[in-house]
Amino acid sequence: MDEIFKQYGSTIITVMAIIAVIGIITLVIGSDTNSIVYKAFSDLINNFYSSAGGVIPGTP
């Protein structure tokens, strides 16, 4: 086990860091309409259209 960490320790740490970053990004961005980024982007588009005096997309 000690030999594995001597040879591959930095690679293991790098892979774990990449996995952690991917996990954090997935939590922040999300994959549905309840995510933080989706809500912010949706509000941005809706505010743009309402300020421009146009019809807001997705509303009847």
Protein backbone atom coordinates (compact mmCIF):
# COMPACT_ATOMS: atom_id res chain seq x y z
CA MET A 1 0.00 0.00 0.00
CA ASP A 2 2.85 2.34 0.83
CA GLU A 3 4.41 1.64 -2.57
CA ILE A 4 1.16 2.57 -4.34
CA PHE A 5 0.97 5.93 -2.55
CA LYS A 6 4.64 6.64 -3.31
CA GLN A 7 4.11 6.07 -7.05
CA TYR A 8 0.55 7.24 -7.57
CA GLY A 9 -0.12 9.58 -4.63
CA SER A 10 -0.18 12.79 -6.67
CA THR A 11 -2.35 11.18 -9.35
CA ILE A 12 -4.83 9.92 -6.76
CA ILE A 13 -5.05 13.39 -5.18
CA THR A 14 -5.56 14.99 -8.61
CA VAL A 15 -8.35 12.57 -9.52
CA MET A 16 -10.07 13.11 -6.18
CA ALA A 17 -9.86 16.90 -6.62
CA ILE A 18 -11.37 16.68 -10.13
CA ILE A 19 -14.21 14.50 -8.84
CA ALA A 20 -14.84 16.99 -6.01
CA VAL A 21 -14.95 19.93 -8.44
CA ILE A 22 -17.38 18.06 -10.71
CA GLY A 23 -19.57 17.30 -7.69
CA ILE A 24 -19.62 20.93 -6.55
CA ILE A 25 -20.44 22.16 -10.06
CA THR A 26 -23.26 19.63 -10.32
CA LEU A 27 -24.70 20.79 -7.00
CA VAL A 28 -24.56 24.47 -7.99
CA ILE A 29 -25.73 24.16 -11.59
CA GLY A 30 -28.05 21.22 -11.09
CA SER A 31 -29.91 19.40 -13.80
CA ASP A 32 -33.48 20.65 -13.45
CA THR A 33 -35.53 23.82 -13.13
CA ASN A 34 -34.87 24.08 -9.38
CA SER A 35 -31.16 24.83 -9.72
CA ILE A 36 -29.65 28.16 -8.73
CA VAL A 37 -28.17 28.88 -12.15
CA TYR A 38 -31.39 28.02 -13.99
CA LYS A 39 -33.41 30.37 -11.78
CA ALA A 40 -30.91 33.21 -12.20
CA PHE A 41 -30.78 32.81 -15.97
CA SER A 42 -34.56 32.56 -16.22
CA ASP A 43 -35.00 35.73 -14.15
CA LEU A 44 -32.43 37.51 -16.31
CA ILE A 45 -34.27 36.64 -19.53
CA ASN A 46 -37.68 37.52 -18.08
CA ASN A 47 -36.41 40.87 -16.78
CA PHE A 48 -34.84 41.63 -20.15
CA TYR A 49 -38.07 40.98 -22.03
CA SER A 50 -40.23 42.89 -19.56
CA SER A 51 -37.84 45.88 -19.63
CA ALA A 52 -37.84 45.83 -23.42
CA GLY A 53 -41.66 45.93 -23.41
CA GLY A 54 -41.95 42.63 -25.22
CA VAL A 55 -43.90 39.51 -24.50
CA ILE A 56 -42.24 37.24 -21.96
CA PRO A 57 -41.48 33.85 -23.53
CA GLY A 58 -43.39 30.94 -22.09
CA THR A 59 -46.37 32.95 -20.89
CA PRO A 60 -49.77 32.76 -22.58
